Amino acid sequence: MIIAAAGKAAHLGGVVAAYTPLPIIGVPIKTSDLGGMDSLLSMVQMPSGVPVACVAINGSKNAAIYAAQILGATMPEYQQKIVDFKREMAEA
């Protein structure tokens, strides 16, 4: 999969999604204009047929966790890492 971070018009994820069969996770970047809302809205409004999963503004950590969860669906070693990570979060 590909994690695409972008600000302002934030169509990078959509452009990449149009050219690859890989899953795309978009990370909207906070901007000085609208605090990242422009980036967020641009990412979640992709046209039908060009899916881009989207996390919170400046949510790169969640994008990485989500990528590991997707990989964990078919790769037990990634799934175990996520289980361990979530257990550690609950204990903290």
N, C-alpha and C. Protein backbone atom coordinates (compact mmCIF):
# COMPACT_ATOMS: atom_id res chain seq x y z
N MET A 1 0.83 -1.17 0.00
CA MET A 1 0.00 0.00 0.00
C MET A 1 0.88 1.24 0.00
N ILE A 2 0.23 2.37 -0.23
CA ILE A 2 0.96 3.64 -0.30
C ILE A 2 0.30 4.62 0.66
N ILE A 3 1.11 5.30 1.44
CA ILE A 3 0.63 6.38 2.30
C ILE A 3 0.98 7.68 1.60
N ALA A 4 -0.05 8.47 1.27
CA ALA A 4 0.15 9.71 0.53
C ALA A 4 -0.24 10.89 1.42
N ALA A 5 0.73 11.68 1.83
CA ALA A 5 0.46 12.87 2.65
C ALA A 5 0.48 14.10 1.75
N ALA A 6 -0.52 14.97 1.94
CA ALA A 6 -0.58 16.17 1.10
C ALA A 6 -1.38 17.25 1.80
N GLY A 7 -1.11 18.47 1.42
CA GLY A 7 -1.83 19.62 1.96
C GLY A 7 -2.49 20.40 0.84
N LYS A 8 -3.25 21.40 1.23
CA LYS A 8 -3.99 22.28 0.31
C LYS A 8 -4.99 21.47 -0.51
N ALA A 9 -4.85 21.42 -1.83
CA ALA A 9 -5.80 20.72 -2.68
C ALA A 9 -5.78 19.21 -2.41
N ALA A 10 -4.65 18.68 -1.98
CA ALA A 10 -4.52 17.32 -1.48
C ALA A 10 -5.05 16.23 -2.40
N HIS A 11 -4.88 16.38 -3.68
CA HIS A 11 -5.35 15.35 -4.60
C HIS A 11 -4.29 14.29 -4.89
N LEU A 12 -3.15 14.35 -4.21
CA LEU A 12 -2.06 13.39 -4.44
C LEU A 12 -2.54 11.95 -4.30
N GLY A 13 -3.27 11.64 -3.23
CA GLY A 13 -3.77 10.27 -3.04
C GLY A 13 -4.62 9.80 -4.20
N GLY A 14 -5.48 10.66 -4.70
CA GLY A 14 -6.34 10.31 -5.82
C GLY A 14 -5.56 10.09 -7.10
N VAL A 15 -4.56 10.91 -7.33
CA VAL A 15 -3.73 10.74 -8.53
C VAL A 15 -2.99 9.41 -8.46
N VAL A 16 -2.42 9.12 -7.30
CA VAL A 16 -1.70 7.85 -7.13
C VAL A 16 -2.68 6.68 -7.28
N ALA A 17 -3.87 6.79 -6.67
CA ALA A 17 -4.86 5.71 -6.75
C ALA A 17 -5.30 5.44 -8.19
N ALA A 18 -5.30 6.46 -9.01
CA ALA A 18 -5.69 6.29 -10.41
C ALA A 18 -4.67 5.48 -11.21
N TYR A 19 -3.44 5.40 -10.71
CA TYR A 19 -2.37 4.73 -11.46
C TYR A 19 -1.87 3.43 -10.84
N THR A 20 -2.44 3.01 -9.71
CA THR A 20 -1.95 1.78 -9.08
C THR A 20 -3.12 0.98 -8.52
N PRO A 21 -2.97 -0.34 -8.50
CA PRO A 21 -4.00 -1.17 -7.87
C PRO A 21 -3.81 -1.30 -6.35
N LEU A 22 -2.75 -0.71 -5.83
CA LEU A 22 -2.46 -0.80 -4.40
C LEU A 22 -3.42 0.07 -3.59
N PRO A 23 -3.71 -0.33 -2.34
CA PRO A 23 -4.52 0.54 -1.49
C PRO A 23 -3.77 1.82 -1.15
N ILE A 24 -4.50 2.93 -1.08
CA ILE A 24 -3.91 4.23 -0.77
C ILE A 24 -4.51 4.73 0.55
N ILE A 25 -3.64 5.20 1.43
CA ILE A 25 -4.08 5.84 2.67
C ILE A 25 -3.64 7.30 2.59
N GLY A 26 -4.60 8.20 2.64
CA GLY A 26 -4.31 9.62 2.56
C GLY A 26 -4.15 10.24 3.94
N VAL A 27 -3.14 11.09 4.07
CA VAL A 27 -2.91 11.84 5.31
C VAL A 27 -3.01 13.32 4.98
N PRO A 28 -4.10 13.97 5.38
CA PRO A 28 -4.20 15.40 5.14
C PRO A 28 -3.26 16.16 6.07
N ILE A 29 -2.56 17.11 5.52
CA ILE A 29 -1.57 17.89 6.28
C ILE A 29 -2.18 19.23 6.68
N LYS A 30 -1.93 19.62 7.91
CA LYS A 30 -2.43 20.90 8.41
C LYS A 30 -1.82 22.03 7.59
N THR A 31 -2.66 22.96 7.17
CA THR A 31 -2.21 24.10 6.39
C THR A 31 -2.52 25.39 7.16
N SER A 32 -1.87 26.45 6.75
CA SER A 32 -2.11 27.73 7.43
C SER A 32 -3.45 28.35 7.01
N ASP A 33 -3.93 27.97 5.84
CA ASP A 33 -5.17 28.57 5.34
C ASP A 33 -6.39 28.15 6.14
N LEU A 34 -6.65 26.86 6.18
CA LEU A 34 -7.87 26.36 6.83
C LEU A 34 -7.56 25.30 7.89
N GLY A 35 -6.35 25.27 8.37
CA GLY A 35 -5.99 24.33 9.42
C GLY A 35 -6.00 22.87 9.01
N GLY A 36 -6.00 22.61 7.72
CA GLY A 36 -6.00 21.24 7.22
C GLY A 36 -7.37 20.75 6.76
N MET A 37 -8.42 21.51 7.04
CA MET A 37 -9.76 21.10 6.60
C MET A 37 -9.84 21.03 5.08
N ASP A 38 -9.14 21.94 4.40
CA ASP A 38 -9.12 21.90 2.94
C ASP A 38 -8.49 20.59 2.45
N SER A 39 -7.42 20.18 3.10
CA SER A 39 -6.75 18.93 2.74
C SER A 39 -7.65 17.73 3.00
N LEU A 40 -8.28 17.72 4.17
CA LEU A 40 -9.15 16.61 4.56
C LEU A 40 -10.32 16.46 3.59
N LEU A 41 -10.99 17.56 3.31
CA LEU A 41 -12.16 17.50 2.42
C LEU A 41 -11.77 17.09 1.00
N SER A 42 -10.60 17.52 0.55
CA SER A 42 -10.14 17.11 -0.78
C SER A 42 -9.91 15.61 -0.85
N MET A 43 -9.39 15.04 0.23
CA MET A 43 -9.08 13.61 0.22
C MET A 43 -10.32 12.73 0.30
N VAL A 44 -11.28 13.14 1.09
CA VAL A 44 -12.45 12.28 1.27
C VAL A 44 -13.47 12.42 0.14
N GLN A 45 -13.26 13.34 -0.78
CA GLN A 45 -14.20 13.56 -1.88
C GLN A 45 -13.70 12.99 -3.20
N MET A 46 -12.97 11.89 -3.16
CA MET A 46 -12.49 11.28 -4.39
C MET A 46 -13.68 10.70 -5.17
N PRO A 47 -13.58 10.74 -6.49
CA PRO A 47 -14.70 10.22 -7.30
C PRO A 47 -14.84 8.71 -7.18
N SER A 48 -16.01 8.22 -7.50
CA SER A 48 -16.27 6.79 -7.50
C SER A 48 -15.25 6.07 -8.38
N GLY A 49 -14.72 4.99 -7.87
CA GLY A 49 -13.72 4.22 -8.61
C GLY A 49 -12.29 4.59 -8.27
N VAL A 50 -12.10 5.63 -7.47
CA VAL A 50 -10.76 6.06 -7.06
C VAL A 50 -10.74 6.14 -5.53
N PRO A 51 -10.78 4.97 -4.86
CA PRO A 51 -10.84 4.99 -3.40
C PRO A 51 -9.53 5.41 -2.75
N VAL A 52 -9.65 6.25 -1.74
CA VAL A 52 -8.51 6.65 -0.91
C VAL A 52 -9.01 6.63 0.54
N ALA A 53 -8.43 5.75 1.36
CA ALA A 53 -8.75 5.77 2.78
C ALA A 53 -8.12 7.03 3.36
N CYS A 54 -8.75 7.61 4.35
CA CYS A 54 -8.26 8.88 4.87
C CYS A 54 -8.24 8.86 6.40
N VAL A 55 -7.16 9.35 6.97
CA VAL A 55 -7.05 9.46 8.42
C VAL A 55 -7.16 10.93 8.82
N ALA A 56 -7.04 11.21 10.10
CA ALA A 56 -7.17 12.57 10.61
C ALA A 56 -6.07 13.49 10.08
N ILE A 57 -6.31 14.77 10.21
CA ILE A 57 -5.31 15.77 9.85
C ILE A 57 -4.05 15.50 10.66
N ASN A 58 -2.91 15.44 9.97
CA ASN A 58 -1.60 15.11 10.55
C ASN A 58 -1.61 13.74 11.23
N GLY A 59 -2.43 12.82 10.74
CA GLY A 59 -2.57 11.50 11.34
C GLY A 59 -1.66 10.44 10.77
N SER A 60 -0.41 10.77 10.55
CA SER A 60 0.51 9.80 9.93
C SER A 60 0.71 8.55 10.79
N LYS A 61 0.67 8.69 12.11
CA LYS A 61 0.83 7.52 12.98
C LYS A 61 -0.34 6.56 12.75
N ASN A 62 -1.56 7.08 12.69
CA ASN A 62 -2.71 6.21 12.43
C ASN A 62 -2.63 5.59 11.04
N ALA A 63 -2.10 6.31 10.07
CA ALA A 63 -1.94 5.75 8.73
C ALA A 63 -1.00 4.54 8.76
N ALA A 64 0.08 4.65 9.51
CA ALA A 64 1.02 3.53 9.61
C ALA A 64 0.39 2.34 10.34
N ILE A 65 -0.36 2.62 11.41
CA ILE A 65 -1.03 1.54 12.14
C ILE A 65 -2.06 0.87 11.23
N TYR A 66 -2.82 1.66 10.50
CA TYR A 66 -3.81 1.11 9.60
C TYR A 66 -3.16 0.25 8.51
N ALA A 67 -2.04 0.70 7.99
CA ALA A 67 -1.31 -0.08 6.99
C ALA A 67 -0.90 -1.44 7.57
N ALA A 68 -0.41 -1.42 8.80
CA ALA A 68 -0.01 -2.68 9.45
C ALA A 68 -1.22 -3.59 9.67
N GLN A 69 -2.37 -2.99 10.00
CA GLN A 69 -3.59 -3.79 10.17
C GLN A 69 -4.02 -4.43 8.86
N ILE A 70 -3.92 -3.69 7.77
CA ILE A 70 -4.27 -4.25 6.47
C ILE A 70 -3.34 -5.42 6.15
N LEU A 71 -2.05 -5.23 6.36
CA LEU A 71 -1.10 -6.32 6.12
C LEU A 71 -1.38 -7.50 7.04
N GLY A 72 -1.82 -7.21 8.26
CA GLY A 72 -2.10 -8.26 9.23
C GLY A 72 -3.27 -9.16 8.84
N ALA A 73 -4.09 -8.72 7.92
CA ALA A 73 -5.21 -9.54 7.47
C ALA A 73 -4.73 -10.82 6.80
N THR A 74 -3.53 -10.79 6.23
CA THR A 74 -2.99 -11.98 5.55
C THR A 74 -1.60 -12.37 6.03
N MET A 75 -1.02 -11.56 6.91
CA MET A 75 0.33 -11.84 7.39
C MET A 75 0.33 -11.87 8.93
N PRO A 76 0.37 -13.08 9.52
CA PRO A 76 0.26 -13.21 10.97
C PRO A 76 1.28 -12.41 11.77
N GLU A 77 2.47 -12.21 11.23
CA GLU A 77 3.48 -11.46 11.98
C GLU A 77 3.08 -9.99 12.17
N TYR A 78 2.42 -9.42 11.18
CA TYR A 78 1.93 -8.05 11.31
C TYR A 78 0.74 -8.00 12.27
N GLN A 79 -0.13 -8.99 12.16
CA GLN A 79 -1.27 -9.05 13.06
C GLN A 79 -0.82 -9.12 14.52
N GLN A 80 0.19 -9.92 14.79
CA GLN A 80 0.69 -10.05 16.16
C GLN A 80 1.28 -8.73 16.65
N LYS A 81 1.99 -8.03 15.79
CA LYS A 81 2.55 -6.73 16.16
C LYS A 81 1.43 -5.75 16.56
N ILE A 82 0.33 -5.77 15.83
CA ILE A 82 -0.79 -4.89 16.15
C ILE A 82 -1.43 -5.30 17.47
N VAL A 83 -1.61 -6.61 17.67
CA VAL A 83 -2.17 -7.10 18.94
C VAL A 83 -1.28 -6.65 20.10
N ASP A 84 0.03 -6.81 19.96
CA ASP A 84 0.97 -6.40 21.01
C ASP A 84 0.90 -4.89 21.24
N PHE A 85 0.86 -4.14 20.15
CA PHE A 85 0.82 -2.67 20.25
C PHE A 85 -0.43 -2.22 20.99
N LYS A 86 -1.58 -2.80 20.66
CA LYS A 86 -2.83 -2.40 21.31
C LYS A 86 -2.87 -2.83 22.77
N ARG A 87 -2.26 -3.97 23.09
CA ARG A 87 -2.17 -4.40 24.47
C ARG A 87 -1.33 -3.40 25.27
N GLU A 88 -0.21 -2.98 24.72
CA GLU A 88 0.66 -2.00 25.39
C GLU A 88 -0.07 -0.67 25.58
N MET A 89 -0.86 -0.27 24.61
CA MET A 89 -1.62 0.97 24.74
C MET A 89 -2.63 0.87 25.89
N ALA A 90 -3.27 -0.30 25.99
CA ALA A 90 -4.28 -0.48 27.04
C ALA A 90 -3.65 -0.51 28.43
N GLU A 91 -2.42 -0.97 28.51
CA GLU A 91 -1.74 -1.07 29.80
C GLU A 91 -1.14 0.25 30.24
N ALA A 92 -0.97 1.17 29.32
CA ALA A 92 -0.32 2.45 29.65
C ALA A 92 -1.26 3.42 30.35
